[in-house]
Protein backbone atom coordinates (compact mmCIF):
# COMPACT_ATOMS: atom_id res chain seq x y z
CA UNK A 1 -48.76 -70.09 -9.14
CA UNK A 2 -52.32 -69.45 -9.78
CA UNK A 3 -51.88 -65.82 -8.87
CA UNK A 4 -48.89 -65.48 -11.01
CA UNK A 5 -50.49 -66.81 -14.09
CA UNK A 6 -53.68 -64.91 -13.55
CA UNK A 7 -51.83 -61.72 -13.63
CA UNK A 8 -50.15 -62.62 -16.85
CA UNK A 9 -53.15 -63.96 -18.57
CA UNK A 10 -55.43 -60.87 -17.77
CA UNK A 11 -52.80 -58.54 -18.61
CA UNK A 12 -52.08 -59.78 -22.19
CA UNK A 13 -55.24 -58.11 -23.78
CA UNK A 14 -54.15 -54.72 -22.46
CA UNK A 15 -50.98 -55.34 -24.40
CA UNK A 16 -52.85 -56.15 -27.53
CA UNK A 17 -54.97 -52.96 -27.48
CA UNK A 18 -51.87 -50.67 -27.58
CA UNK A 19 -49.94 -52.22 -30.74
CA UNK A 20 -52.36 -50.60 -33.08
CA UNK A 21 -52.15 -50.00 -36.80
CA UNK A 22 -54.62 -48.63 -39.31
CA UNK A 23 -57.82 -50.56 -40.20
CA UNK A 24 -56.86 -51.03 -43.71
CA UNK A 25 -57.14 -54.63 -45.08
CA UNK A 26 -53.73 -56.50 -44.96
CA UNK A 27 -52.86 -58.36 -48.25
CA UNK A 28 -51.45 -61.76 -48.29
CA UNK A 29 -48.54 -61.21 -50.51
CA UNK A 30 -45.43 -63.38 -50.27
CA UNK A 31 -43.12 -60.52 -51.00
CA UNK A 32 -40.28 -60.21 -48.44
CA UNK A 33 -40.74 -57.33 -45.98
CA UNK A 34 -37.72 -55.34 -47.19
CA UNK A 35 -38.21 -51.75 -48.61
CA UNK A 36 -36.73 -50.84 -52.03
CA UNK A 37 -36.63 -47.14 -51.63
CA UNK A 38 -36.38 -44.68 -54.59
CA UNK A 39 -36.35 -41.15 -53.43
CA UNK A 40 -39.10 -38.88 -55.12
CA UNK A 41 -38.69 -35.18 -55.55
CA UNK A 42 -41.90 -33.07 -55.86
CA UNK A 43 -42.18 -30.73 -58.90
CA UNK A 44 -40.60 -27.38 -58.05
CA UNK A 45 -38.33 -28.59 -55.39
CA UNK A 46 -34.92 -26.88 -55.21
CA UNK A 47 -31.70 -28.71 -55.20
CA UNK A 48 -31.37 -28.52 -51.58
CA UNK A 49 -34.94 -29.98 -51.09
CA UNK A 50 -33.98 -32.71 -53.35
CA UNK A 51 -30.84 -33.55 -51.37
CA UNK A 52 -32.90 -33.73 -48.16
CA UNK A 53 -35.51 -36.04 -49.60
CA UNK A 54 -32.74 -38.31 -50.80
CA UNK A 55 -31.13 -38.25 -47.29
CA UNK A 56 -34.50 -39.15 -45.80
CA UNK A 57 -34.97 -41.97 -48.27
CA UNK A 58 -31.56 -43.23 -47.50
CA UNK A 59 -32.14 -43.34 -43.87
CA UNK A 60 -35.39 -45.39 -44.31
CA UNK A 61 -33.49 -47.66 -46.63
CA UNK A 62 -30.87 -47.99 -44.09
CA UNK A 63 -33.36 -49.01 -41.27
CA UNK A 64 -35.07 -51.51 -43.67
CA UNK A 65 -31.73 -53.16 -44.50
CA UNK A 66 -31.03 -53.69 -40.79
CA UNK A 67 -33.93 -56.03 -40.45
CA UNK A 68 -33.06 -59.58 -39.53
CA UNK A 69 -34.00 -61.87 -42.41
CA UNK A 70 -33.87 -65.29 -40.58
CA UNK A 71 -37.39 -66.90 -41.16
CA UNK A 72 -37.33 -68.46 -37.65
CA UNK A 73 -36.28 -66.76 -34.49
CA UNK A 74 -36.38 -68.98 -31.29
CA UNK A 75 -35.18 -68.27 -27.71
CA UNK A 76 -35.79 -69.09 -24.18
CA UNK A 77 -36.84 -66.00 -22.36
CA UNK A 78 -37.64 -64.33 -18.92
CA UNK A 79 -41.15 -62.88 -19.20
CA UNK A 80 -41.54 -59.98 -16.58
CA UNK A 81 -44.94 -58.16 -16.24
CA UNK A 82 -45.71 -55.17 -13.86
CA UNK A 83 -49.10 -53.93 -13.22
CA UNK A 84 -49.63 -51.67 -10.39
CA UNK A 85 -47.94 -53.16 -7.34
CA UNK A 86 -47.75 -56.46 -8.97
CA UNK A 87 -44.30 -57.61 -10.38
CA UNK A 88 -44.03 -61.11 -11.71
CA UNK A 89 -41.32 -62.86 -13.68
CA UNK A 90 -41.98 -66.21 -15.38
CA UNK A 91 -39.57 -68.33 -17.60
CA UNK A 92 -40.66 -69.47 -21.08
CA UNK A 93 -40.05 -69.42 -24.84
CA UNK A 94 -40.50 -67.32 -27.81
CA UNK A 95 -40.76 -68.67 -31.32
CA UNK A 96 -41.38 -66.37 -34.30
CA UNK A 97 -41.77 -67.73 -37.94
CA UNK A 98 -41.88 -64.94 -40.53
CA UNK A 99 -45.32 -64.01 -41.79
CA UNK A 100 -46.84 -67.10 -39.84
CA UNK A 101 -46.79 -66.97 -36.19
CA UNK A 102 -45.60 -65.37 -33.01
CA UNK A 103 -45.68 -67.67 -30.01
CA UNK A 104 -44.91 -67.16 -26.30
CA UNK A 105 -44.98 -70.21 -24.03
CA UNK A 106 -44.85 -69.67 -20.33
CA UNK A 107 -43.07 -72.41 -18.30
CA UNK A 108 -42.23 -71.52 -14.66
CA UNK A 109 -39.04 -72.95 -13.50
CA UNK A 110 -38.67 -74.55 -17.01
CA UNK A 111 -40.88 -77.59 -16.05
CA UNK A 112 -44.43 -77.49 -17.33
CA UNK A 113 -46.08 -75.10 -19.87
CA UNK A 114 -48.81 -73.31 -17.95
CA UNK A 115 -49.87 -71.08 -20.66
CA UNK A 116 -49.41 -69.98 -24.40
CA UNK A 117 -49.89 -66.81 -26.29
CA UNK A 118 -50.09 -67.09 -30.08
CA UNK A 119 -50.57 -64.58 -32.89
CA UNK A 120 -51.14 -65.75 -36.39
CA UNK A 121 -52.22 -63.89 -39.64
CA UNK A 122 -55.76 -64.64 -38.84
CA UNK A 123 -56.22 -64.96 -35.06
CA UNK A 124 -55.10 -64.37 -31.54
CA UNK A 125 -55.04 -67.53 -29.24
CA UNK A 126 -54.36 -67.41 -25.40
CA UNK A 127 -54.33 -70.75 -23.68
CA UNK A 128 -54.66 -71.10 -19.94
CA UNK A 129 -53.42 -74.65 -19.31
CA UNK A 130 -54.02 -74.42 -15.56
CA UNK A 131 -57.76 -73.81 -15.87
CA UNK A 132 -58.10 -75.61 -19.35
CA UNK A 133 -59.62 -72.67 -21.11
CA UNK A 134 -58.75 -70.57 -23.96
CA UNK A 135 -59.46 -67.28 -25.89
CA UNK A 136 -59.41 -67.26 -29.72
CA UNK A 137 -60.58 -64.67 -32.13
CA UNK A 138 -59.91 -63.01 -35.45
CA UNK A 139 -58.32 -59.48 -35.25
CA UNK A 140 -61.48 -57.96 -36.73
CA UNK A 141 -63.98 -59.84 -34.72
CA UNK A 142 -63.42 -58.24 -31.34
CA UNK A 143 -64.64 -54.66 -31.34
CA UNK A 144 -62.15 -53.58 -28.75
CA UNK A 145 -59.26 -54.79 -30.99
CA UNK A 146 -60.93 -53.44 -34.12
CA UNK A 147 -61.20 -49.99 -32.77
CA UNK A 148 -57.36 -49.91 -32.10
CA UNK A 149 -56.53 -51.37 -35.60
CA UNK A 150 -54.69 -54.55 -34.42
CA UNK A 151 -53.17 -56.65 -37.19
CA UNK A 152 -50.63 -59.40 -37.18
CA UNK A 153 -48.06 -57.56 -39.34
CA UNK A 154 -47.75 -54.59 -37.09
CA UNK A 155 -47.16 -56.91 -34.07
CA UNK A 156 -44.63 -59.04 -36.05
CA UNK A 157 -42.69 -55.73 -36.95
CA UNK A 158 -42.71 -54.77 -33.36
CA UNK A 159 -41.32 -57.97 -32.11
CA UNK A 160 -38.67 -58.11 -34.89
CA UNK A 161 -37.44 -54.51 -34.62
CA UNK A 162 -38.61 -53.37 -37.92
CA UNK A 163 -40.25 -50.31 -39.57
CA UNK A 164 -43.79 -51.05 -40.65
CA UNK A 165 -46.46 -49.33 -42.83
CA UNK A 166 -49.87 -49.37 -40.75
CA UNK A 167 -52.27 -51.87 -42.37
CA UNK A 168 -49.72 -53.13 -44.89
CA UNK A 169 -47.42 -56.20 -45.01
CA UNK A 170 -44.47 -54.60 -46.41
CA UNK A 171 -42.85 -51.13 -46.57
CA UNK A 172 -42.84 -50.44 -50.34
CA UNK A 173 -42.08 -47.23 -52.34
CA UNK A 174 -45.68 -45.94 -51.98
CA UNK A 175 -45.64 -46.28 -48.30
CA UNK A 176 -42.18 -44.66 -47.91
CA UNK A 177 -43.77 -41.34 -49.11
CA UNK A 178 -46.02 -41.30 -46.25
CA UNK A 179 -43.15 -41.19 -43.67
CA UNK A 180 -41.60 -38.02 -42.32
CA UNK A 181 -37.93 -37.73 -40.96
CA UNK A 182 -37.24 -35.24 -38.25
CA UNK A 183 -33.75 -35.21 -36.61
CA UNK A 184 -32.95 -38.79 -37.79
CA UNK A 185 -36.28 -40.01 -36.37
CA UNK A 186 -38.97 -41.46 -38.42
CA UNK A 187 -42.65 -40.40 -37.98
CA UNK A 188 -46.10 -41.03 -39.53
CA UNK A 189 -49.68 -40.17 -38.92
CA UNK A 190 -52.37 -42.53 -39.56
CA UNK A 191 -55.87 -41.29 -38.42
CA UNK A 192 -55.78 -40.47 -34.73
CA UNK A 193 -52.52 -42.42 -34.27
CA UNK A 194 -49.03 -40.81 -34.43
CA UNK A 195 -46.13 -43.48 -34.87
CA UNK A 196 -42.48 -42.53 -34.11
CA UNK A 197 -39.26 -44.60 -34.65
CA UNK A 198 -36.30 -43.35 -32.71
CA UNK A 199 -33.22 -44.26 -34.91
CA UNK A 200 -29.66 -44.76 -33.50
CA UNK A 201 -27.58 -42.51 -35.88
CA UNK A 202 -24.42 -44.55 -36.41
CA UNK A 203 -25.98 -48.10 -36.58
CA UNK A 204 -29.27 -47.13 -38.23
CA UNK A 205 -31.19 -49.40 -35.78
CA UNK A 206 -34.56 -48.84 -34.29
CA UNK A 207 -33.99 -48.01 -30.56
CA UNK A 208 -37.63 -47.38 -29.82
CA UNK A 209 -41.06 -47.50 -31.63
CA UNK A 210 -44.07 -45.52 -30.05
CA UNK A 211 -47.64 -45.06 -31.04
CA UNK A 212 -49.96 -42.45 -29.52
CA UNK A 213 -53.58 -42.42 -30.03
CA UNK A 214 -55.97 -39.56 -28.99
CA UNK A 215 -59.75 -40.41 -29.22
CA UNK A 216 -62.75 -38.16 -29.79
CA UNK A 217 -63.27 -37.70 -26.16
CA UNK A 218 -59.58 -36.98 -25.41
CA UNK A 219 -59.11 -40.38 -24.36
CA UNK A 220 -55.42 -41.40 -24.93
CA UNK A 221 -53.41 -44.53 -25.27
CA UNK A 222 -49.63 -44.76 -25.72
CA UNK A 223 -47.26 -47.63 -26.55
CA UNK A 224 -43.45 -47.46 -26.26
CA UNK A 225 -41.47 -50.51 -27.35
CA UNK A 226 -37.79 -50.20 -26.18
CA UNK A 227 -35.02 -52.24 -27.81
CA UNK A 228 -31.68 -53.04 -26.01
CA UNK A 229 -28.84 -55.60 -25.81
CA UNK A 230 -28.56 -56.18 -29.61
CA UNK A 231 -26.65 -59.37 -30.44
CA UNK A 232 -25.82 -61.09 -33.65
CA UNK A 233 -28.31 -63.19 -35.63
CA UNK A 234 -27.89 -64.36 -39.32
CA UNK A 235 -25.37 -61.52 -40.11
CA UNK A 236 -27.68 -58.94 -38.46
CA UNK A 237 -28.17 -57.53 -35.04
CA UNK A 238 -31.29 -58.31 -33.04
CA UNK A 239 -32.61 -56.99 -29.90
CA UNK A 240 -32.48 -59.40 -27.04
CA UNK A 241 -34.07 -57.06 -24.52
CA UNK A 242 -37.45 -55.62 -25.37
CA UNK A 243 -39.61 -53.46 -23.07
CA UNK A 244 -43.18 -52.66 -23.86
CA UNK A 245 -44.80 -49.97 -21.79
CA UNK A 246 -48.47 -49.02 -22.14
CA UNK A 247 -50.52 -46.08 -20.66
CA UNK A 248 -54.12 -45.38 -21.17
CA UNK A 249 -56.06 -42.33 -19.91
CA UNK A 250 -59.89 -42.29 -19.79
CA UNK A 251 -62.67 -40.32 -17.83
CA UNK A 252 -62.30 -43.27 -15.42
CA UNK A 253 -58.67 -42.77 -14.74
CA UNK A 254 -55.18 -43.90 -15.81
CA UNK A 255 -53.88 -47.53 -16.18
CA UNK A 256 -50.43 -48.76 -17.05
CA UNK A 257 -48.65 -52.03 -17.77
CA UNK A 258 -44.99 -52.75 -18.34
CA UNK A 259 -43.83 -55.96 -20.06
CA UNK A 260 -40.09 -57.00 -20.28
CA UNK A 261 -39.01 -59.88 -22.47
CA UNK A 262 -35.33 -61.01 -22.10
CA UNK A 263 -34.17 -63.55 -24.53
CA UNK A 264 -31.32 -65.95 -23.70
CA UNK A 265 -29.78 -67.79 -26.58
CA UNK A 266 -31.03 -66.61 -29.92
CA UNK A 267 -31.45 -69.55 -32.53
CA UNK A 268 -32.88 -69.86 -35.99
CA UNK A 269 -34.27 -73.35 -35.50
CA UNK A 270 -37.04 -74.43 -38.01
CA UNK A 271 -37.92 -77.84 -36.49
CA UNK A 272 -41.09 -76.88 -34.82
CA UNK A 273 -44.78 -76.76 -35.63
CA UNK A 274 -46.58 -73.52 -36.24
CA UNK A 275 -50.13 -75.01 -35.55
CA UNK A 276 -51.32 -75.12 -32.10
CA UNK A 277 -54.41 -77.54 -31.45
CA UNK A 278 -56.63 -76.72 -28.59
CA UNK A 279 -57.48 -79.82 -26.64
CA UNK A 280 -61.36 -80.64 -26.95
CA UNK A 281 -61.79 -80.61 -23.05
CA UNK A 282 -60.68 -76.77 -22.97
CA UNK A 283 -63.54 -74.34 -22.47
CA UNK A 284 -63.75 -71.34 -24.79
CA UNK A 285 -64.04 -67.84 -23.13
CA UNK A 286 -64.34 -64.65 -25.10
CA UNK A 287 -61.51 -62.01 -25.25
CA UNK A 288 -64.17 -59.19 -24.82
CA UNK A 289 -65.06 -60.69 -21.30
CA UNK A 290 -61.44 -60.80 -20.36
CA UNK A 291 -60.97 -57.31 -21.48
CA UNK A 292 -64.14 -56.04 -19.61
CA UNK A 293 -62.77 -57.69 -16.29
CA UNK A 294 -59.41 -55.81 -16.79
CA UNK A 295 -61.23 -52.46 -17.26
CA UNK A 296 -63.01 -52.90 -13.96
CA UNK A 297 -59.83 -53.71 -11.98
């Protein structure tokens, strides 16, 4: 059991580093994260160009309209992680409340919670209940995370199968103009990161989200978030199978990780607390120290 949990705990920060967005400040608006798209036509465009722009705006609007609007999403899960030759599956639960928290609890055999990963607007919390220790930090307080532009709203969009504007809470009309549409896929460049959303043509659902970062020394990191097995949830369709693959290349070599989350029994329960209190006996450890250990593996 200790080996299983160690593999999961030390792998989580790798996952965090790949889900990047731009380093812009995120506003705390209460507006619902649904785009209202009005197609714009630059001066001098032909009628054909105008039609293409309208079609692109319509696709983006359709994708945004597919987003599940239920404030709460709760489900039991199988949490599988593969790192090198290690392949571990642990039972657990995922609980998401719109604009407040994403929580993953790990409960092998459904008996006792051995660990918890929690993302809120202001901080990342990882609790190791076996060893009574925890990691907690703001997104902008850890240099490793800051360099990759991690924020809560990009993670929320990834977990909820939504289009997102890097560094922003919602996809509004101004942000729509920054997206490109190529062969029914939506793309966007933000600094050294290229984002791409593969759209299923008939349904308008996001099938895969990817982000590729190229550093100044040609160091690269790539994220692919694959969505499958869509099931009904509050009059929408939600992907109950999500696969997250991460690859990094540096002068020291290549590293990869694969996480599979299978949800079993979607619910919209609201009777749960969004605040996790860390027991006073738990010992704090830094996220940087865990990341440095991973990079030496």
